[in-house]
Amino acid sequence: MEIFEKLGINLQSFLFHMLSLAIIVFAAWLLLHKPLSKMIKKHNQRLADIHDENRQLVSEAEENRRGIDAIKAGAKEDAIRITNAAAASAAAKTEEAL
Protein backbone atom coordinates (compact mmCIF):
# COMPACT_ATOMS: atom_id res chain seq x y z
CA MET A 1 0.00 0.00 0.00
CA GLU A 2 2.91 2.36 0.58
CA ILE A 3 3.89 2.11 -3.06
CA PHE A 4 0.39 3.22 -4.13
CA GLU A 5 0.50 6.15 -1.72
CA LYS A 6 3.91 7.20 -3.06
CA LEU A 7 2.46 7.14 -6.57
CA GLY A 8 -0.50 9.23 -5.44
CA ILE A 9 -3.00 6.44 -5.96
CA ASN A 10 -5.62 5.77 -3.36
CA LEU A 11 -8.71 3.57 -3.47
CA GLN A 12 -11.04 6.49 -4.15
CA SER A 13 -9.06 7.77 -7.18
CA PHE A 14 -8.59 4.23 -8.49
CA LEU A 15 -12.35 3.56 -8.40
CA PHE A 16 -13.04 6.96 -9.97
CA HIS A 17 -10.65 6.18 -12.86
CA MET A 18 -12.14 2.71 -13.38
CA LEU A 19 -15.66 4.20 -13.45
CA SER A 20 -14.51 6.86 -15.92
CA LEU A 21 -12.94 4.21 -18.12
CA ALA A 22 -16.11 2.11 -18.04
CA ILE A 23 -18.20 5.15 -19.02
CA ILE A 24 -15.85 6.02 -21.89
CA VAL A 25 -15.85 2.44 -23.19
CA PHE A 26 -19.65 2.26 -22.98
CA ALA A 27 -20.06 5.62 -24.74
CA ALA A 28 -17.63 4.58 -27.46
CA TRP A 29 -19.54 1.33 -27.94
CA LEU A 30 -22.84 3.24 -28.21
CA LEU A 31 -21.41 5.71 -30.71
CA LEU A 32 -19.42 3.28 -32.84
CA HIS A 33 -21.44 0.07 -32.82
CA LYS A 34 -24.00 1.00 -35.52
CA PRO A 35 -21.56 2.65 -37.97
CA LEU A 36 -19.07 -0.19 -37.65
CA SER A 37 -21.80 -2.79 -38.05
CA LYS A 38 -23.03 -1.02 -41.20
CA MET A 39 -19.51 -0.81 -42.58
CA ILE A 40 -18.89 -4.50 -41.90
CA LYS A 41 -22.20 -5.49 -43.54
CA LYS A 42 -21.38 -3.39 -46.63
CA HIS A 43 -17.92 -4.94 -46.80
CA ASN A 44 -19.33 -8.47 -46.50
CA GLN A 45 -21.91 -7.72 -49.19
CA ARG A 46 -19.21 -6.35 -51.49
CA LEU A 47 -17.15 -9.51 -50.91
CA ALA A 48 -20.18 -11.68 -51.67
CA ASP A 49 -20.83 -9.73 -54.88
CA ILE A 50 -17.20 -10.13 -55.94
CA HIS A 51 -17.37 -13.84 -55.17
CA ASP A 52 -20.53 -14.24 -57.27
CA GLU A 53 -18.99 -12.28 -60.14
CA ASN A 54 -15.87 -14.44 -59.98
CA ARG A 55 -17.96 -17.62 -60.12
CA GLN A 56 -19.84 -16.25 -63.14
CA LEU A 57 -16.59 -15.28 -64.90
CA VAL A 58 -15.09 -18.71 -64.23
CA SER A 59 -18.15 -20.43 -65.72
CA GLU A 60 -18.01 -18.12 -68.77
CA ALA A 61 -14.30 -18.82 -69.19
CA GLU A 62 -14.96 -22.57 -68.98
CA GLU A 63 -17.71 -22.26 -71.59
CA ASN A 64 -15.41 -20.23 -73.86
CA ARG A 65 -12.65 -22.82 -73.41
CA ARG A 66 -15.05 -25.60 -74.44
CA GLY A 67 -16.05 -23.57 -77.52
CA ILE A 68 -12.42 -22.99 -78.46
CA ASP A 69 -11.65 -26.68 -78.01
CA ALA A 70 -14.56 -27.54 -80.32
CA ILE A 71 -13.33 -25.04 -82.92
CA LYS A 72 -9.80 -26.46 -82.67
CA ALA A 73 -11.10 -30.00 -83.11
CA GLY A 74 -13.14 -28.90 -86.16
CA ALA A 75 -10.14 -27.11 -87.63
CA LYS A 76 -7.99 -30.20 -87.09
CA GLU A 77 -10.56 -32.37 -88.87
CA ASP A 78 -10.76 -29.85 -91.72
CA ALA A 79 -6.97 -29.80 -92.02
CA ILE A 80 -6.85 -33.62 -92.16
CA ARG A 81 -9.66 -33.70 -94.73
CA ILE A 82 -7.97 -31.03 -96.89
CA THR A 83 -4.61 -32.81 -96.61
CA ASN A 84 -6.19 -36.14 -97.61
CA ALA A 85 -8.02 -34.48 -100.51
CA ALA A 86 -4.80 -32.81 -101.68
CA ALA A 87 -2.90 -36.10 -101.41
CA ALA A 88 -5.62 -37.92 -103.37
CA SER A 89 -5.66 -35.17 -106.00
CA ALA A 90 -1.87 -35.29 -106.26
CA ALA A 91 -1.96 -39.08 -106.54
CA ALA A 92 -4.64 -38.83 -109.27
CA LYS A 93 -2.65 -36.23 -111.21
CA THR A 94 0.48 -38.37 -110.86
CA GLU A 95 -1.40 -41.41 -112.20
CA GLU A 96 -2.80 -39.31 -115.01
CA ALA A 97 0.64 -37.94 -115.85
CA LEU A 98 2.14 -41.45 -115.89
PDB file of N, CA and C in Angstrom:
ATOM      1  N   MET A   1       0.807  -1.193   0.000  1.00  0.00           N
ATOM      2  CA  MET A   1       0.000   0.000   0.000  1.00  0.00           C
ATOM      3  C   MET A   1       0.851   1.258   0.000  1.00  0.00           C
ATOM      4  N   GLU A   2       2.036   1.178   0.569  1.00  0.00           N
ATOM      5  CA  GLU A   2       2.915   2.356   0.577  1.00  0.00           C
ATOM      6  C   GLU A   2       3.273   2.776  -0.835  1.00  0.00           C
ATOM      7  N   ILE A   3       3.499   1.796  -1.686  1.00  0.00           N
ATOM      8  CA  ILE A   3       3.887   2.115  -3.059  1.00  0.00           C
ATOM      9  C   ILE A   3       2.778   2.887  -3.763  1.00  0.00           C
ATOM     10  N   PHE A   4       1.513   2.510  -3.526  1.00  0.00           N
ATOM     11  CA  PHE A   4       0.394   3.222  -4.135  1.00  0.00           C
ATOM     12  C   PHE A   4       0.297   4.649  -3.604  1.00  0.00           C
ATOM     13  N   GLU A   5       0.549   4.808  -2.307  1.00  0.00           N
ATOM     14  CA  GLU A   5       0.497   6.147  -1.722  1.00  0.00           C
ATOM     15  C   GLU A   5       1.620   7.013  -2.270  1.00  0.00           C
ATOM     16  N   LYS A   6       2.798   6.442  -2.486  1.00  0.00           N
ATOM     17  CA  LYS A   6       3.912   7.203  -3.059  1.00  0.00           C
ATOM     18  C   LYS A   6       3.599   7.639  -4.489  1.00  0.00           C
ATOM     19  N   LEU A   7       2.845   6.801  -5.195  1.00  0.00           N
ATOM     20  CA  LEU A   7       2.462   7.137  -6.571  1.00  0.00           C
ATOM     21  C   LEU A   7       1.256   8.080  -6.616  1.00  0.00           C
ATOM     22  N   GLY A   8       0.661   8.338  -5.496  1.00  0.00           N
ATOM     23  CA  GLY A   8      -0.497   9.225  -5.440  1.00  0.00           C
ATOM     24  C   GLY A   8      -1.785   8.526  -5.814  1.00  0.00           C
ATOM     25  N   ILE A   9      -1.803   7.215  -5.628  1.00  0.00           N
ATOM     26  CA  ILE A   9      -2.996   6.441  -5.957  1.00  0.00           C
ATOM     27  C   ILE A   9      -3.628   5.962  -4.661  1.00  0.00           C
ATOM     28  N   ASN A  10      -4.896   6.316  -4.491  1.00  0.00           N
ATOM     29  CA  ASN A  10      -5.618   5.765  -3.357  1.00  0.00           C
ATOM     30  C   ASN A  10      -6.861   5.061  -3.895  1.00  0.00           C
ATOM     31  N   LEU A  11      -7.563   4.372  -3.051  1.00  0.00           N
ATOM     32  CA  LEU A  11      -8.705   3.574  -3.469  1.00  0.00           C
ATOM     33  C   LEU A  11      -9.771   4.428  -4.141  1.00  0.00           C
ATOM     34  N   GLN A  12     -10.011   5.614  -3.599  1.00  0.00           N
ATOM     35  CA  GLN A  12     -11.045   6.489  -4.153  1.00  0.00           C
ATOM     36  C   GLN A  12     -10.683   6.919  -5.582  1.00  0.00           C
ATOM     37  N   SER A  13      -9.444   7.340  -5.831  1.00  0.00           N
ATOM     38  CA  SER A  13      -9.062   7.772  -7.181  1.00  0.00           C
ATOM     39  C   SER A  13      -9.025   6.582  -8.143  1.00  0.00           C
ATOM     40  N   PHE A  14      -8.608   5.432  -7.648  1.00  0.00           N
ATOM     41  CA  PHE A  14      -8.590   4.230  -8.486  1.00  0.00           C
ATOM     42  C   PHE A  14     -10.008   3.873  -8.956  1.00  0.00           C
ATOM     43  N   LEU A  15     -10.966   3.867  -8.038  1.00  0.00           N
ATOM     44  CA  LEU A  15     -12.348   3.565  -8.398  1.00  0.00           C
ATOM     45  C   LEU A  15     -12.929   4.619  -9.340  1.00  0.00           C
ATOM     46  N   PHE A  16     -12.573   5.886  -9.096  1.00  0.00           N
ATOM     47  CA  PHE A  16     -13.038   6.961  -9.969  1.00  0.00           C
ATOM     48  C   PHE A  16     -12.511   6.751 -11.396  1.00  0.00           C
ATOM     49  N   HIS A  17     -11.232   6.404 -11.538  1.00  0.00           N
ATOM     50  CA  HIS A  17     -10.651   6.182 -12.862  1.00  0.00           C
ATOM     51  C   HIS A  17     -11.260   4.953 -13.546  1.00  0.00           C
ATOM     52  N   MET A  18     -11.520   3.908 -12.798  1.00  0.00           N
ATOM     53  CA  MET A  18     -12.145   2.711 -13.376  1.00  0.00           C
ATOM     54  C   MET A  18     -13.564   3.015 -13.849  1.00  0.00           C
ATOM     55  N   LEU A  19     -14.314   3.802 -13.060  1.00  0.00           N
ATOM     56  CA  LEU A  19     -15.656   4.200 -13.448  1.00  0.00           C
ATOM     57  C   LEU A  19     -15.602   5.076 -14.701  1.00  0.00           C
ATOM     58  N   SER A  20     -14.669   5.993 -14.750  1.00  0.00           N
ATOM     59  CA  SER A  20     -14.512   6.862 -15.922  1.00  0.00           C
ATOM     60  C   SER A  20     -14.180   6.036 -17.160  1.00  0.00           C
ATOM     61  N   LEU A  21     -13.302   5.078 -17.003  1.00  0.00           N
ATOM     62  CA  LEU A  21     -12.938   4.212 -18.121  1.00  0.00           C
ATOM     63  C   LEU A  21     -14.142   3.403 -18.598  1.00  0.00           C
ATOM     64  N   ALA A  22     -14.919   2.879 -17.670  1.00  0.00           N
ATOM     65  CA  ALA A  22     -16.107   2.109 -18.040  1.00  0.00           C
ATOM     66  C   ALA A  22     -17.106   2.986 -18.786  1.00  0.00           C
ATOM     67  N   ILE A  23     -17.284   4.228 -18.347  1.00  0.00           N
ATOM     68  CA  ILE A  23     -18.205   5.149 -19.020  1.00  0.00           C
ATOM     69  C   ILE A  23     -17.709   5.463 -20.425  1.00  0.00           C
ATOM     70  N   ILE A  24     -16.420   5.704 -20.569  1.00  0.00           N
ATOM     71  CA  ILE A  24     -15.852   6.021 -21.889  1.00  0.00           C
ATOM     72  C   ILE A  24     -15.999   4.836 -22.839  1.00  0.00           C
ATOM     73  N   VAL A  25     -15.716   3.635 -22.349  1.00  0.00           N
ATOM     74  CA  VAL A  25     -15.845   2.440 -23.189  1.00  0.00           C
ATOM     75  C   VAL A  25     -17.301   2.238 -23.601  1.00  0.00           C
ATOM     76  N   PHE A  26     -18.230   2.414 -22.672  1.00  0.00           N
ATOM     77  CA  PHE A  26     -19.649   2.255 -22.979  1.00  0.00           C
ATOM     78  C   PHE A  26     -20.109   3.303 -23.991  1.00  0.00           C
ATOM     79  N   ALA A  27     -19.684   4.553 -23.812  1.00  0.00           N
ATOM     80  CA  ALA A  27     -20.062   5.620 -24.744  1.00  0.00           C
ATOM     81  C   ALA A  27     -19.481   5.349 -26.131  1.00  0.00           C
ATOM     82  N   ALA A  28     -18.240   4.900 -26.177  1.00  0.00           N
ATOM     83  CA  ALA A  28     -17.627   4.585 -27.464  1.00  0.00           C
ATOM     84  C   ALA A  28     -18.378   3.443 -28.138  1.00  0.00           C
ATOM     85  N   TRP A  29     -18.780   2.453 -27.366  1.00  0.00           N
ATOM     86  CA  TRP A  29     -19.536   1.333 -27.939  1.00  0.00           C
ATOM     87  C   TRP A  29     -20.868   1.831 -28.489  1.00  0.00           C
ATOM     88  N   LEU A  30     -21.558   2.703 -27.731  1.00  0.00           N
ATOM     89  CA  LEU A  30     -22.838   3.237 -28.206  1.00  0.00           C
ATOM     90  C   LEU A  30     -22.675   4.039 -29.485  1.00  0.00           C
ATOM     91  N   LEU A  31     -21.614   4.849 -29.555  1.00  0.00           N
ATOM     92  CA  LEU A  31     -21.415   5.714 -30.714  1.00  0.00           C
ATOM     93  C   LEU A  31     -20.895   4.957 -31.938  1.00  0.00           C
ATOM     94  N   LEU A  32     -20.087   3.931 -31.723  1.00  0.00           N
ATOM     95  CA  LEU A  32     -19.417   3.277 -32.844  1.00  0.00           C
ATOM     96  C   LEU A  32     -20.044   1.963 -33.286  1.00  0.00           C
ATOM     97  N   HIS A  33     -20.908   1.388 -32.494  1.00  0.00           N
ATOM     98  CA  HIS A  33     -21.445   0.069 -32.825  1.00  0.00           C
ATOM     99  C   HIS A  33     -22.231   0.065 -34.130  1.00  0.00           C
ATOM    100  N   LYS A  34     -23.186   0.977 -34.296  1.00  0.00           N
ATOM    101  CA  LYS A  34     -24.000   0.996 -35.519  1.00  0.00           C
ATOM    102  C   LYS A  34     -23.173   1.316 -36.762  1.00  0.00           C
ATOM    103  N   PRO A  35     -22.340   2.370 -36.746  1.00  0.00           N
ATOM    104  CA  PRO A  35     -21.558   2.653 -37.966  1.00  0.00           C
ATOM    105  C   PRO A  35     -20.606   1.512 -38.334  1.00  0.00           C
ATOM    106  N   LEU A  36     -19.981   0.916 -37.348  1.00  0.00           N
ATOM    107  CA  LEU A  36     -19.070  -0.186 -37.649  1.00  0.00           C
ATOM    108  C   LEU A  36     -19.827  -1.407 -38.145  1.00  0.00           C
ATOM    109  N   SER A  37     -20.986  -1.669 -37.584  1.00  0.00           N
ATOM    110  CA  SER A  37     -21.797  -2.792 -38.055  1.00  0.00           C
ATOM    111  C   SER A  37     -22.227  -2.576 -39.502  1.00  0.00           C
ATOM    112  N   LYS A  38     -22.650  -1.344 -39.827  1.00  0.00           N
ATOM    113  CA  LYS A  38     -23.028  -1.018 -41.200  1.00  0.00           C
ATOM    114  C   LYS A  38     -21.854  -1.214 -42.147  1.00  0.00           C
ATOM    115  N   MET A  39     -20.694  -0.715 -41.738  1.00  0.00           N
ATOM    116  CA  MET A  39     -19.506  -0.813 -42.576  1.00  0.00           C
ATOM    117  C   MET A  39     -19.129  -2.278 -42.809  1.00  0.00           C
ATOM    118  N   ILE A  40     -19.225  -3.084 -41.776  1.00  0.00           N
ATOM    119  CA  ILE A  40     -18.893  -4.503 -41.903  1.00  0.00           C
ATOM    120  C   ILE A  40     -19.897  -5.211 -42.800  1.00  0.00           C
ATOM    121  N   LYS A  41     -21.190  -4.884 -42.675  1.00  0.00           N
ATOM    122  CA  LYS A  41     -22.204  -5.489 -43.542  1.00  0.00           C
ATOM    123  C   LYS A  41     -21.972  -5.112 -44.999  1.00  0.00           C
ATOM    124  N   LYS A  42     -21.653  -3.823 -45.260  1.00  0.00           N
ATOM    125  CA  LYS A  42     -21.376  -3.388 -46.628  1.00  0.00           C
ATOM    126  C   LYS A  42     -20.163  -4.123 -47.189  1.00  0.00           C
ATOM    127  N   HIS A  43     -19.146  -4.253 -46.365  1.00  0.00           N
ATOM    128  CA  HIS A  43     -17.921  -4.937 -46.800  1.00  0.00           C
ATOM    129  C   HIS A  43     -18.222  -6.400 -47.118  1.00  0.00           C
ATOM    130  N   ASN A  44     -18.976  -7.067 -46.264  1.00  0.00           N
ATOM    131  CA  ASN A  44     -19.326  -8.468 -46.503  1.00  0.00           C
ATOM    132  C   ASN A  44     -20.173  -8.619 -47.761  1.00  0.00           C
ATOM    133  N   GLN A  45     -21.094  -7.678 -47.987  1.00  0.00           N
ATOM    134  CA  GLN A  45     -21.912  -7.716 -49.194  1.00  0.00           C
ATOM    135  C   GLN A  45     -21.056  -7.526 -50.434  1.00  0.00           C
ATOM    136  N   ARG A  46     -20.106  -6.586 -50.358  1.00  0.00           N
ATOM    137  CA  ARG A  46     -19.209  -6.355 -51.490  1.00  0.00           C
ATOM    138  C   ARG A  46     -18.385  -7.612 -51.782  1.00  0.00           C
ATOM    139  N   LEU A  47     -17.911  -8.270 -50.725  1.00  0.00           N
ATOM    140  CA  LEU A  47     -17.149  -9.506 -50.915  1.00  0.00           C
ATOM    141  C   LEU A  47     -18.026 -10.595 -51.540  1.00  0.00           C
ATOM    142  N   ALA A  48     -19.267 -10.688 -51.101  1.00  0.00           N
ATOM    143  CA  ALA A  48     -20.181 -11.683 -51.667  1.00  0.00           C
ATOM    144  C   ALA A  48     -20.443 -11.387 -53.145  1.00  0.00           C
ATOM    145  N   ASP A  49     -20.616 -10.104 -53.484  1.00  0.00           N
ATOM    146  CA  ASP A  49     -20.829  -9.726 -54.883  1.00  0.00           C
ATOM    147  C   ASP A  49     -19.620 -10.085 -55.739  1.00  0.00           C
ATOM    148  N   ILE A  50     -18.431  -9.798 -55.218  1.00  0.00           N
ATOM    149  CA  ILE A  50     -17.199 -10.125 -55.944  1.00  0.00           C
ATOM    150  C   ILE A  50     -17.084 -11.637 -56.121  1.00  0.00           C
ATOM    151  N   HIS A  51     -17.435 -12.385 -55.085  1.00  0.00           N
ATOM    152  CA  HIS A  51     -17.369 -13.838 -55.166  1.00  0.00           C
ATOM    153  C   HIS A  51     -18.338 -14.369 -56.226  1.00  0.00           C
ATOM    154  N   ASP A  52     -19.557 -13.830 -56.262  1.00  0.00           N
ATOM    155  CA  ASP A  52     -20.535 -14.240 -57.274  1.00  0.00           C
ATOM    156  C   ASP A  52     -20.051 -13.894 -58.681  1.00  0.00           C
ATOM    157  N   GLU A  53     -19.492 -12.690 -58.826  1.00  0.00           N
ATOM    158  CA  GLU A  53     -18.988 -12.280 -60.136  1.00  0.00           C
ATOM    159  C   GLU A  53     -17.839 -13.188 -60.580  1.00  0.00           C
ATOM    160  N   ASN A  54     -16.977 -13.543 -59.636  1.00  0.00           N
ATOM    161  CA  ASN A  54     -15.873 -14.443 -59.976  1.00  0.00           C
ATOM    162  C   ASN A  54     -16.386 -15.804 -60.425  1.00  0.00           C
ATOM    163  N   ARG A  55     -17.390 -16.331 -59.717  1.00  0.00           N
ATOM    164  CA  ARG A  55     -17.960 -17.616 -60.123  1.00  0.00           C
ATOM    165  C   ARG A  55     -18.554 -17.525 -61.534  1.00  0.00           C
ATOM    166  N   GLN A  56     -19.246 -16.429 -61.812  1.00  0.00           N
ATOM    167  CA  GLN A  56     -19.837 -16.245 -63.139  1.00  0.00           C
ATOM    168  C   GLN A  56     -18.742 -16.158 -64.206  1.00  0.00           C
ATOM    169  N   LEU A  57     -17.677 -15.414 -63.931  1.00  0.00           N
ATOM    170  CA  LEU A  57     -16.590 -15.282 -64.898  1.00  0.00           C
ATOM    171  C   LEU A  57     -15.886 -16.611 -65.130  1.00  0.00           C
ATOM    172  N   VAL A  58     -15.723 -17.394 -64.077  1.00  0.00           N
ATOM    173  CA  VAL A  58     -15.093 -18.707 -64.228  1.00  0.00           C
ATOM    174  C   VAL A  58     -15.951 -19.610 -65.106  1.00  0.00           C
ATOM    175  N   SER A  59     -17.269 -19.585 -64.891  1.00  0.00           N
ATOM    176  CA  SER A  59     -18.147 -20.426 -65.721  1.00  0.00           C
ATOM    177  C   SER A  59     -18.131 -19.951 -67.177  1.00  0.00           C
ATOM    178  N   GLU A  60     -18.091 -18.638 -67.398  1.00  0.00           N
ATOM    179  CA  GLU A  60     -18.006 -18.124 -68.768  1.00  0.00           C
ATOM    180  C   GLU A  60     -16.689 -18.524 -69.414  1.00  0.00           C
ATOM    181  N   ALA A  61     -15.602 -18.442 -68.657  1.00  0.00           N
ATOM    182  CA  ALA A  61     -14.295 -18.823 -69.192  1.00  0.00           C
ATOM    183  C   ALA A  61     -14.273 -20.312 -69.545  1.00  0.00           C
ATOM    184  N   GLU A  62     -14.884 -21.132 -68.707  1.00  0.00           N
ATOM    185  CA  GLU A  62     -14.955 -22.571 -68.982  1.00  0.00           C
ATOM    186  C   GLU A  62     -15.776 -22.833 -70.249  1.00  0.00           C
ATOM    187  N   GLU A  63     -16.880 -22.116 -70.385  1.00  0.00           N
ATOM    188  CA  GLU A  63     -17.713 -22.257 -71.587  1.00  0.00           C
ATOM    189  C   GLU A  63     -16.939 -21.821 -72.828  1.00  0.00           C
ATOM    190  N   ASN A  64     -16.228 -20.713 -72.731  1.00  0.00           N
ATOM    191  CA  ASN A  64     -15.412 -20.234 -73.856  1.00  0.00           C
ATOM    192  C   ASN A  64     -14.315 -21.236 -74.203  1.00  0.00           C
ATOM    193  N   ARG A  65     -13.709 -21.849 -73.170  1.00  0.00           N
ATOM    194  CA  ARG A  65     -12.655 -22.824 -73.413  1.00  0.00           C
ATOM    195  C   ARG A  65     -13.221 -24.027 -74.154  1.00  0.00           C
ATOM    196  N   ARG A  66     -14.419 -24.473 -73.750  1.00  0.00           N
ATOM    197  CA  ARG A  66     -15.048 -25.598 -74.443  1.00  0.00           C
ATOM    198  C   ARG A  66     -15.335 -25.246 -75.900  1.00  0.00           C
ATOM    199  N   GLY A  67     -15.795 -24.018 -76.146  1.00  0.00           N
ATOM    200  CA  GLY A  67     -16.054 -23.573 -77.522  1.00  0.00           C
ATOM    201  C   GLY A  67     -14.774 -23.541 -78.346  1.00  0.00           C
ATOM    202  N   ILE A  68     -13.705 -23.047 -77.762  1.00  0.00           N
ATOM    203  CA  ILE A  68     -12.420 -22.986 -78.461  1.00  0.00           C
ATOM    204  C   ILE A  68     -11.912 -24.387 -78.754  1.00  0.00           C
ATOM    205  N   ASP A  69     -12.067 -25.300 -77.781  1.00  0.00           N
ATOM    206  CA  ASP A  69     -11.647 -26.684 -78.008  1.00  0.00           C
ATOM    207  C   ASP A  69     -12.436 -27.307 -79.157  1.00  0.00           C
ATOM    208  N   ALA A  70     -13.735 -27.003 -79.229  1.00  0.00           N
ATOM    209  CA  ALA A  70     -14.556 -27.535 -80.323  1.00  0.00           C
ATOM    210  C   ALA A  70     -14.101 -26.959 -81.660  1.00  0.00           C
ATOM    211  N   ILE A  71     -13.802 -25.674 -81.694  1.00  0.00           N
ATOM    212  CA  ILE A  71     -13.328 -25.040 -82.924  1.00  0.00           C
ATOM    213  C   ILE A  71     -11.989 -25.636 -83.343  1.00  0.00           C
ATOM    214  N   LYS A  72     -11.102 -25.860 -82.365  1.00  0.00           N
ATOM    215  CA  LYS A  72      -9.798 -26.459 -82.672  1.00  0.00           C
ATOM    216  C   LYS A  72      -9.964 -27.862 -83.235  1.00  0.00           C
ATOM    217  N   ALA A  73     -10.869 -28.636 -82.624  1.00  0.00           N
ATOM    218  CA  ALA A  73     -11.099 -29.997 -83.114  1.00  0.00           C
ATOM    219  C   ALA A  73     -11.650 -29.961 -84.545  1.00  0.00           C
ATOM    220  N   GLY A  74     -12.588 -29.051 -84.810  1.00  0.00           N
ATOM    221  CA  GLY A  74     -13.139 -28.902 -86.163  1.00  0.00           C
ATOM    222  C   GLY A  74     -12.070 -28.485 -87.158  1.00  0.00           C
ATOM    223  N   ALA A  75     -11.211 -27.568 -86.751  1.00  0.00           N
ATOM    224  CA  ALA A  75     -10.139 -27.109 -87.633  1.00  0.00           C
ATOM    225  C   ALA A  75      -9.155 -28.241 -87.917  1.00  0.00           C
ATOM    226  N   LYS A  76      -8.890 -29.062 -86.903  1.00  0.00           N
ATOM    227  CA  LYS A  76      -7.989 -30.195 -87.089  1.00  0.00           C
ATOM    228  C   LYS A  76      -8.587 -31.190 -88.089  1.00  0.00           C
ATOM    229  N   GLU A  77      -9.885 -31.461 -87.935  1.00  0.00           N
ATOM    230  CA  GLU A  77     -10.561 -32.369 -88.866  1.00  0.00           C
ATOM    231  C   GLU A  77     -10.547 -31.806 -90.284  1.00  0.00           C
ATOM    232  N   ASP A  78     -10.799 -30.494 -90.404  1.00  0.00           N
ATOM    233  CA  ASP A  78     -10.758 -29.851 -91.721  1.00  0.00           C
ATOM    234  C   ASP A  78      -9.369 -29.947 -92.330  1.00  0.00           C
ATOM    235  N   ALA A  79      -8.341 -29.726 -91.514  1.00  0.00           N
ATOM    236  CA  ALA A  79      -6.971 -29.804 -92.016  1.00  0.00           C
ATOM    237  C   ALA A  79      -6.653 -31.218 -92.496  1.00  0.00           C
ATOM    238  N   ILE A  80      -7.090 -32.220 -91.756  1.00  0.00           N
ATOM    239  CA  ILE A  80      -6.854 -33.615 -92.164  1.00  0.00           C
ATOM    240  C   ILE A  80      -7.609 -33.917 -93.452  1.00  0.00           C
ATOM    241  N   ARG A  81      -8.861 -33.471 -93.529  1.00  0.00           N
ATOM    242  CA  ARG A  81      -9.665 -33.698 -94.732  1.00  0.00           C
ATOM    243  C   ARG A  81      -9.038 -33.012 -95.943  1.00  0.00           C
ATOM    244  N   ILE A  82      -8.588 -31.762 -95.779  1.00  0.00           N
ATOM    245  CA  ILE A  82      -7.969 -31.025 -96.887  1.00  0.00           C
ATOM    246  C   ILE A  82      -6.663 -31.701 -97.296  1.00  0.00           C
ATOM    247  N   THR A  83      -5.872 -32.139 -96.306  1.00  0.00           N
ATOM    248  CA  THR A  83      -4.610 -32.809 -96.611  1.00  0.00           C
ATOM    249  C   THR A  83      -4.865 -34.108 -97.364  1.00  0.00           C
ATOM    250  N   ASN A  84      -5.850 -34.882 -96.924  1.00  0.00           N
ATOM    251  CA  ASN A  84      -6.189 -36.138 -97.615  1.00  0.00           C
ATOM    252  C   ASN A  84      -6.684 -35.865 -99.034  1.00  0.00           C
ATOM    253  N   ALA A  85      -7.512 -34.822 -99.175  1.00  0.00           N
ATOM    254  CA  ALA A  85      -8.022 -34.478-100.509  1.00  0.00           C
ATOM    255  C   ALA A  85      -6.878 -34.043-101.417  1.00  0.00           C
ATOM    256  N   ALA A  86      -5.943 -33.264-100.881  1.00  0.00           N
ATOM    257  CA  ALA A  86      -4.802 -32.812-101.681  1.00  0.00           C
ATOM    258  C   ALA A  86      -3.914 -33.993-102.053  1.00  0.00           C
ATOM    259  N   ALA A  87      -3.712 -34.920-101.126  1.00  0.00           N
ATOM    260  CA  ALA A  87      -2.897 -36.104-101.414  1.00  0.00           C
ATOM    261  C   ALA A  87      -3.571 -36.965-102.477  1.00  0.00           C
ATOM    262  N   ALA A  88      -4.892 -37.132-102.374  1.00  0.00           N
ATOM    263  CA  ALA A  88      -5.619 -37.922-103.371  1.00  0.00           C
ATOM    264  C   ALA A  88      -5.569 -37.247-104.734  1.00  0.00           C
ATOM    265  N   SER A  89      -5.724 -35.929-104.746  1.00  0.00           N
ATOM    266  CA  SER A  89      -5.658 -35.172-105.999  1.00  0.00           C
ATOM    267  C   SER A  89      -4.266 -35.280-106.611  1.00  0.00           C
ATOM    268  N   ALA A  90      -3.251 -35.178-105.779  1.00  0.00           N
ATOM    269  CA  ALA A  90      -1.870 -35.292-106.255  1.00  0.00           C
ATOM    270  C   ALA A  90      -1.612 -36.699-106.785  1.00  0.00           C
ATOM    271  N   ALA A  91      -2.148 -37.708-106.079  1.00  0.00           N
ATOM    272  CA  ALA A  91      -1.964 -39.079-106.538  1.00  0.00           C
ATOM    273  C   ALA A  91      -2.690 -39.287-107.877  1.00  0.00           C
ATOM    274  N   ALA A  92      -3.887 -38.701-108.016  1.00  0.00           N
ATOM    275  CA  ALA A  92      -4.636 -38.827-109.268  1.00  0.00           C
ATOM    276  C   ALA A  92      -3.913 -38.153-110.409  1.00  0.00           C
ATOM    277  N   LYS A  93      -3.391 -36.970-110.166  1.00  0.00           N
ATOM    278  CA  LYS A  93      -2.653 -36.234-111.213  1.00  0.00           C
ATOM    279  C   LYS A  93      -1.388 -36.976-111.571  1.00  0.00           C
ATOM    280  N   THR A  94      -0.734 -37.599-110.584  1.00  0.00           N
ATOM    281  CA  THR A  94       0.476 -38.368-110.856  1.00  0.00           C
ATOM    282  C   THR A  94       0.136 -39.576-111.732  1.00  0.00           C
ATOM    283  N   GLU A  95      -0.958 -40.264-111.422  1.00  0.00           N
ATOM    284  CA  GLU A  95      -1.404 -41.411-112.197  1.00  0.00           C
ATOM    285  C   GLU A  95      -1.747 -40.976-113.627  1.00  0.00           C
ATOM    286  N   GLU A  96      -2.417 -39.834-113.704  1.00  0.00           N
ATOM    287  CA  GLU A  96      -2.801 -39.310-115.013  1.00  0.00           C
ATOM    288  C   GLU A  96      -1.576 -38.947-115.825  1.00  0.00           C
ATOM    289  N   ALA A  97      -0.575 -38.353-115.156  1.00  0.00           N
ATOM    290  CA  ALA A  97       0.641 -37.945-115.847  1.00  0.00           C
ATOM    291  C   ALA A  97       1.431 -39.172-116.289  1.00  0.00           C
ATOM    292  N   LEU A  98       1.406 -40.241-115.546  1.00  0.00           N
ATOM    293  CA  LEU A  98       2.143 -41.445-115.894  1.00  0.00           C
ATOM    294  C   LEU A  98       1.409 -42.183-116.993  1.00  0.00           C
TER     295      LEU A  98
END
